[in-house]
Protein backbone atom coordinates (compact mmCIF):
# COMPACT_ATOMS: atom_id res chain seq x y z
CA MET A 1 35.24 145.20 81.55
CA SER A 2 33.71 145.33 85.00
CA ASP A 3 34.95 147.42 87.92
CA ARG A 4 33.93 144.68 90.36
CA ILE A 5 36.83 143.31 92.47
CA PRO A 6 36.89 139.53 92.92
CA PRO A 7 36.41 138.46 96.57
CA GLU A 8 39.84 136.82 96.81
CA LEU A 9 41.48 140.12 95.82
CA GLU A 10 39.21 142.38 97.85
CA TYR A 11 41.67 142.87 100.74
CA ALA A 12 45.31 143.70 100.28
CA ASP A 13 47.84 142.12 102.64
CA THR A 14 48.20 145.40 104.48
CA ASP A 15 44.46 145.93 104.94
CA ALA A 16 42.84 144.93 108.21
CA ASP A 17 40.56 141.93 107.71
CA PRO A 18 38.09 141.70 110.60
CA ARG A 19 37.56 137.97 110.02
CA ARG A 20 41.30 137.27 110.23
CA ASP A 21 41.65 139.40 113.37
CA ARG A 22 38.74 137.62 115.05
CA ARG A 23 40.19 134.22 114.09
CA ASN A 24 43.65 135.15 115.39
CA ARG A 25 42.17 136.41 118.67
CA ARG A 26 40.23 133.16 119.08
CA ILE A 27 43.31 131.02 118.32
CA ARG A 28 45.37 133.05 120.79
CA GLY A 29 42.69 132.62 123.48
CA VAL A 30 42.49 128.86 122.95
CA ALA A 31 46.29 128.61 123.05
CA TRP A 32 46.42 130.42 126.42
CA VAL A 33 43.71 128.16 127.84
CA VAL A 34 45.68 125.09 126.72
CA VAL A 35 48.91 126.44 128.23
CA ALA A 36 47.16 127.20 131.52
CA ALA A 37 45.55 123.75 131.59
CA LEU A 38 48.91 122.08 130.97
CA ILE A 39 50.57 124.09 133.74
CA ILE A 40 47.75 123.52 136.22
CA GLY A 41 47.36 119.85 135.28
CA GLY A 42 51.09 119.18 135.36
CA GLY A 43 51.59 121.07 138.60
CA GLY A 44 48.58 119.43 140.19
CA SER A 45 49.77 115.95 139.33
CA THR A 46 53.24 116.73 140.68
CA ILE A 47 51.80 117.96 144.00
CA LEU A 48 49.55 114.90 144.28
CA LEU A 49 52.52 112.65 143.57
CA MET A 50 54.56 114.34 146.30
CA LEU A 51 51.66 114.16 148.81
CA PHE A 52 50.55 110.59 148.14
CA GLY A 53 53.90 109.30 146.84
């Protein structure tokens, strides 16, 4: 019997996985960019509608 740990069992749920952390950070960043774009785009169109009616 080998002492080698299979890759899918290498990290426990409580262990920090750098790939998962990096992915979560990237997803969070993209989500904030989307939220900001929606707010700016929606607000901008509302202001243009009020100005040019």
